[in-house]
Amino acid sequence: MLLLLIIAGFQTSSAALSFFIYLIRKYPRVQKKTEIKLKNNENNQNLTMVRLYWLIYLDAIINEVLRFTSPSIGTNRKLMADYHLP
């Protein structure tokens, strides 16, 4: 998912990263858990694409930020009818 952010373009990427920073600062518990996951680094390895792939919590946060806020114009969703969860 992180690679998708990098490839998608700089404006949408910068908007998504801005939303990410804003929202992670808004929820300190999530920020702390993310820091712990990132610092849980065996043998002080550098962050590689393979290691980023296995950071499932970070991927979930990025997906939630993209779901919650739209980084590009014109992708707003509007509910056309009432929906009730079963």
N, C-alpha and C. Protein backbone atom coordinates (compact mmCIF):
# COMPACT_ATOMS: atom_id res chain seq x y z
N MET A 1 0.82 -1.19 0.00
CA MET A 1 0.00 0.00 0.00
C MET A 1 0.86 1.25 0.00
N LEU A 2 1.94 1.23 0.75
CA LEU A 2 2.83 2.38 0.80
C LEU A 2 3.43 2.65 -0.57
N LEU A 3 3.78 1.60 -1.29
CA LEU A 3 4.32 1.77 -2.63
C LEU A 3 3.28 2.42 -3.54
N LEU A 4 2.02 2.06 -3.37
CA LEU A 4 0.95 2.67 -4.15
C LEU A 4 0.89 4.17 -3.90
N LEU A 5 1.08 4.58 -2.65
CA LEU A 5 1.09 6.01 -2.34
C LEU A 5 2.22 6.73 -3.07
N ILE A 6 3.35 6.10 -3.14
CA ILE A 6 4.51 6.73 -3.78
C ILE A 6 4.32 6.82 -5.29
N ILE A 7 3.76 5.79 -5.89
CA ILE A 7 3.59 5.74 -7.33
C ILE A 7 2.43 6.61 -7.81
N ALA A 8 1.40 6.78 -7.00
CA ALA A 8 0.16 7.43 -7.42
C ALA A 8 0.34 8.87 -7.88
N GLY A 9 1.31 9.56 -7.40
CA GLY A 9 1.52 10.95 -7.78
C GLY A 9 1.82 11.78 -6.55
N PHE A 10 2.48 12.90 -6.78
CA PHE A 10 2.95 13.64 -5.61
C PHE A 10 1.84 14.42 -4.92
N GLN A 11 0.85 14.93 -5.64
CA GLN A 11 -0.19 15.72 -4.98
C GLN A 11 -1.09 14.84 -4.12
N THR A 12 -1.52 13.74 -4.67
CA THR A 12 -2.36 12.84 -3.87
C THR A 12 -1.56 12.23 -2.74
N SER A 13 -0.28 11.95 -3.00
CA SER A 13 0.57 11.39 -1.94
C SER A 13 0.77 12.40 -0.82
N SER A 14 1.03 13.65 -1.18
CA SER A 14 1.24 14.66 -0.14
C SER A 14 -0.04 14.90 0.64
N ALA A 15 -1.19 14.87 -0.03
CA ALA A 15 -2.46 15.03 0.67
C ALA A 15 -2.70 13.86 1.62
N ALA A 16 -2.45 12.65 1.14
CA ALA A 16 -2.65 11.47 1.98
C ALA A 16 -1.70 11.48 3.18
N LEU A 17 -0.45 11.86 2.96
CA LEU A 17 0.51 11.93 4.07
C LEU A 17 0.13 13.02 5.06
N SER A 18 -0.40 14.13 4.56
CA SER A 18 -0.86 15.19 5.46
C SER A 18 -2.01 14.71 6.32
N PHE A 19 -2.97 14.03 5.70
CA PHE A 19 -4.08 13.47 6.46
C PHE A 19 -3.58 12.43 7.46
N PHE A 20 -2.62 11.61 7.03
CA PHE A 20 -2.05 10.58 7.91
C PHE A 20 -1.43 11.23 9.15
N ILE A 21 -0.62 12.25 8.93
CA ILE A 21 0.04 12.93 10.05
C ILE A 21 -0.99 13.58 10.97
N TYR A 22 -1.96 14.24 10.37
CA TYR A 22 -3.01 14.88 11.17
C TYR A 22 -3.76 13.86 12.03
N LEU A 23 -4.20 12.78 11.40
CA LEU A 23 -5.01 11.80 12.12
C LEU A 23 -4.21 11.01 13.14
N ILE A 24 -2.96 10.70 12.83
CA ILE A 24 -2.17 9.94 13.80
C ILE A 24 -1.83 10.81 15.02
N ARG A 25 -1.68 12.12 14.80
CA ARG A 25 -1.46 13.02 15.94
C ARG A 25 -2.74 13.22 16.74
N LYS A 26 -3.87 13.08 16.09
CA LYS A 26 -5.15 13.24 16.76
C LYS A 26 -5.44 12.06 17.69
N TYR A 27 -4.89 10.90 17.37
CA TYR A 27 -5.12 9.69 18.16
C TYR A 27 -3.79 9.18 18.71
N PRO A 28 -3.38 9.68 19.88
CA PRO A 28 -2.06 9.34 20.43
C PRO A 28 -1.87 7.85 20.71
N ARG A 29 -2.95 7.14 21.02
CA ARG A 29 -2.83 5.70 21.29
C ARG A 29 -2.39 4.97 20.02
N VAL A 30 -2.96 5.36 18.90
CA VAL A 30 -2.59 4.75 17.61
C VAL A 30 -1.16 5.14 17.26
N GLN A 31 -0.80 6.39 17.52
CA GLN A 31 0.56 6.85 17.24
C GLN A 31 1.57 6.04 18.06
N LYS A 32 1.28 5.83 19.33
CA LYS A 32 2.20 5.09 20.19
C LYS A 32 2.35 3.65 19.72
N LYS A 33 1.23 3.02 19.36
CA LYS A 33 1.29 1.63 18.89
C LYS A 33 2.07 1.54 17.59
N THR A 34 1.91 2.52 16.72
CA THR A 34 2.66 2.54 15.46
C THR A 34 4.15 2.69 15.72
N GLU A 35 4.50 3.57 16.64
CA GLU A 35 5.92 3.75 17.00
C GLU A 35 6.51 2.45 17.53
N ILE A 36 5.76 1.77 18.38
CA ILE A 36 6.24 0.50 18.94
C ILE A 36 6.47 -0.52 17.83
N LYS A 37 5.52 -0.60 16.90
CA LYS A 37 5.65 -1.55 15.79
C LYS A 37 6.86 -1.21 14.92
N LEU A 38 7.09 0.08 14.68
CA LEU A 38 8.23 0.47 13.85
C LEU A 38 9.56 0.29 14.57
N LYS A 39 9.56 0.50 15.89
CA LYS A 39 10.80 0.36 16.65
C LYS A 39 11.11 -1.09 17.00
N ASN A 40 10.13 -1.97 16.87
CA ASN A 40 10.34 -3.38 17.12
C ASN A 40 11.14 -3.95 15.95
N ASN A 41 12.39 -3.61 15.94
CA ASN A 41 13.26 -3.88 14.81
C ASN A 41 14.36 -4.84 15.24
N GLU A 42 14.26 -6.06 14.78
CA GLU A 42 15.26 -7.06 15.15
C GLU A 42 16.60 -6.73 14.50
N ASN A 43 17.65 -6.77 15.28
CA ASN A 43 19.02 -6.54 14.82
C ASN A 43 19.21 -5.16 14.17
N ASN A 44 18.39 -4.19 14.56
CA ASN A 44 18.48 -2.83 14.02
C ASN A 44 18.51 -2.79 12.50
N GLN A 45 17.65 -3.57 11.89
CA GLN A 45 17.57 -3.61 10.43
C GLN A 45 17.00 -2.31 9.90
N ASN A 46 17.42 -1.94 8.70
CA ASN A 46 16.82 -0.79 8.03
C ASN A 46 15.44 -1.17 7.53
N LEU A 47 14.59 -0.17 7.35
CA LEU A 47 13.28 -0.43 6.78
C LEU A 47 13.43 -0.67 5.29
N THR A 48 13.10 -1.86 4.86
CA THR A 48 13.14 -2.21 3.45
C THR A 48 11.72 -2.43 2.97
N MET A 49 11.55 -2.60 1.67
CA MET A 49 10.21 -2.86 1.13
C MET A 49 9.65 -4.16 1.68
N VAL A 50 10.51 -5.14 1.89
CA VAL A 50 10.06 -6.42 2.44
C VAL A 50 9.57 -6.23 3.87
N ARG A 51 10.34 -5.48 4.65
CA ARG A 51 9.94 -5.23 6.04
C ARG A 51 8.66 -4.39 6.09
N LEU A 52 8.54 -3.40 5.22
CA LEU A 52 7.32 -2.59 5.17
C LEU A 52 6.10 -3.45 4.81
N TYR A 53 6.32 -4.45 3.97
CA TYR A 53 5.23 -5.34 3.58
C TYR A 53 4.64 -6.06 4.79
N TRP A 54 5.48 -6.38 5.76
CA TRP A 54 5.02 -7.12 6.93
C TRP A 54 4.53 -6.23 8.06
N LEU A 55 4.54 -4.93 7.88
CA LEU A 55 4.00 -4.02 8.89
C LEU A 55 2.49 -3.88 8.66
N ILE A 56 1.76 -4.88 9.10
CA ILE A 56 0.33 -4.98 8.83
C ILE A 56 -0.44 -3.85 9.52
N TYR A 57 -0.04 -3.49 10.72
CA TYR A 57 -0.75 -2.42 11.44
C TYR A 57 -0.61 -1.09 10.71
N LEU A 58 0.59 -0.80 10.23
CA LEU A 58 0.81 0.44 9.48
C LEU A 58 -0.01 0.43 8.19
N ASP A 59 -0.07 -0.69 7.52
CA ASP A 59 -0.86 -0.82 6.30
C ASP A 59 -2.35 -0.59 6.60
N ALA A 60 -2.81 -1.11 7.73
CA ALA A 60 -4.22 -0.92 8.11
C ALA A 60 -4.51 0.56 8.39
N ILE A 61 -3.56 1.25 9.02
CA ILE A 61 -3.75 2.67 9.30
C ILE A 61 -3.80 3.46 7.99
N ILE A 62 -2.91 3.15 7.07
CA ILE A 62 -2.90 3.85 5.78
C ILE A 62 -4.21 3.61 5.03
N ASN A 63 -4.68 2.37 5.04
CA ASN A 63 -5.96 2.07 4.39
C ASN A 63 -7.11 2.83 5.03
N GLU A 64 -7.08 2.94 6.35
CA GLU A 64 -8.14 3.65 7.06
C GLU A 64 -8.09 5.15 6.76
N VAL A 65 -6.90 5.71 6.68
CA VAL A 65 -6.76 7.13 6.33
C VAL A 65 -7.31 7.37 4.93
N LEU A 66 -6.97 6.50 3.99
CA LEU A 66 -7.47 6.65 2.63
C LEU A 66 -8.97 6.45 2.54
N ARG A 67 -9.52 5.60 3.40
CA ARG A 67 -10.96 5.39 3.42
C ARG A 67 -11.67 6.60 4.04
N PHE A 68 -11.08 7.12 5.09
CA PHE A 68 -11.69 8.20 5.86
C PHE A 68 -11.59 9.55 5.14
N THR A 69 -10.49 9.79 4.47
CA THR A 69 -10.27 11.06 3.78
C THR A 69 -9.88 10.78 2.34
N SER A 70 -10.42 11.53 1.45
CA SER A 70 -10.11 11.33 0.04
C SER A 70 -8.98 12.28 -0.37
N PRO A 71 -7.82 11.75 -0.78
CA PRO A 71 -6.72 12.63 -1.16
C PRO A 71 -6.88 13.28 -2.52
N SER A 72 -7.83 12.83 -3.30
CA SER A 72 -8.01 13.44 -4.63
C SER A 72 -9.42 14.00 -4.77
N ILE A 73 -9.56 14.94 -5.66
CA ILE A 73 -10.84 15.59 -5.88
C ILE A 73 -11.72 14.68 -6.74
N GLY A 74 -12.98 14.63 -6.40
CA GLY A 74 -13.92 13.90 -7.23
C GLY A 74 -14.15 12.46 -6.85
N THR A 75 -13.63 12.03 -5.72
CA THR A 75 -13.88 10.66 -5.30
C THR A 75 -14.76 10.59 -4.06
N ASN A 76 -15.49 11.66 -3.82
CA ASN A 76 -16.41 11.65 -2.68
C ASN A 76 -17.54 10.68 -2.95
N ARG A 77 -17.90 9.96 -1.93
CA ARG A 77 -18.99 9.00 -2.06
C ARG A 77 -20.22 9.54 -1.36
N LYS A 78 -21.36 9.30 -1.97
CA LYS A 78 -22.60 9.78 -1.40
C LYS A 78 -23.58 8.61 -1.34
N LEU A 79 -24.14 8.40 -0.18
CA LEU A 79 -25.11 7.33 0.01
C LEU A 79 -26.42 7.74 -0.64
N MET A 80 -26.90 6.92 -1.55
CA MET A 80 -28.10 7.25 -2.31
C MET A 80 -29.38 6.82 -1.60
N ALA A 81 -29.28 5.88 -0.69
CA ALA A 81 -30.45 5.40 0.05
C ALA A 81 -30.00 4.99 1.45
N ASP A 82 -30.94 4.96 2.37
CA ASP A 82 -30.62 4.53 3.72
C ASP A 82 -30.15 3.08 3.70
N TYR A 83 -29.16 2.80 4.53
CA TYR A 83 -28.65 1.44 4.61
C TYR A 83 -28.58 1.06 6.08
N HIS A 84 -29.10 -0.09 6.39
CA HIS A 84 -29.09 -0.59 7.77
C HIS A 84 -28.29 -1.88 7.81
N LEU A 85 -27.37 -1.94 8.74
CA LEU A 85 -26.57 -3.14 8.88
C LEU A 85 -27.44 -4.30 9.34
N PRO A 86 -27.21 -5.49 8.78
CA PRO A 86 -28.03 -6.65 9.17
C PRO A 86 -27.74 -7.08 10.59
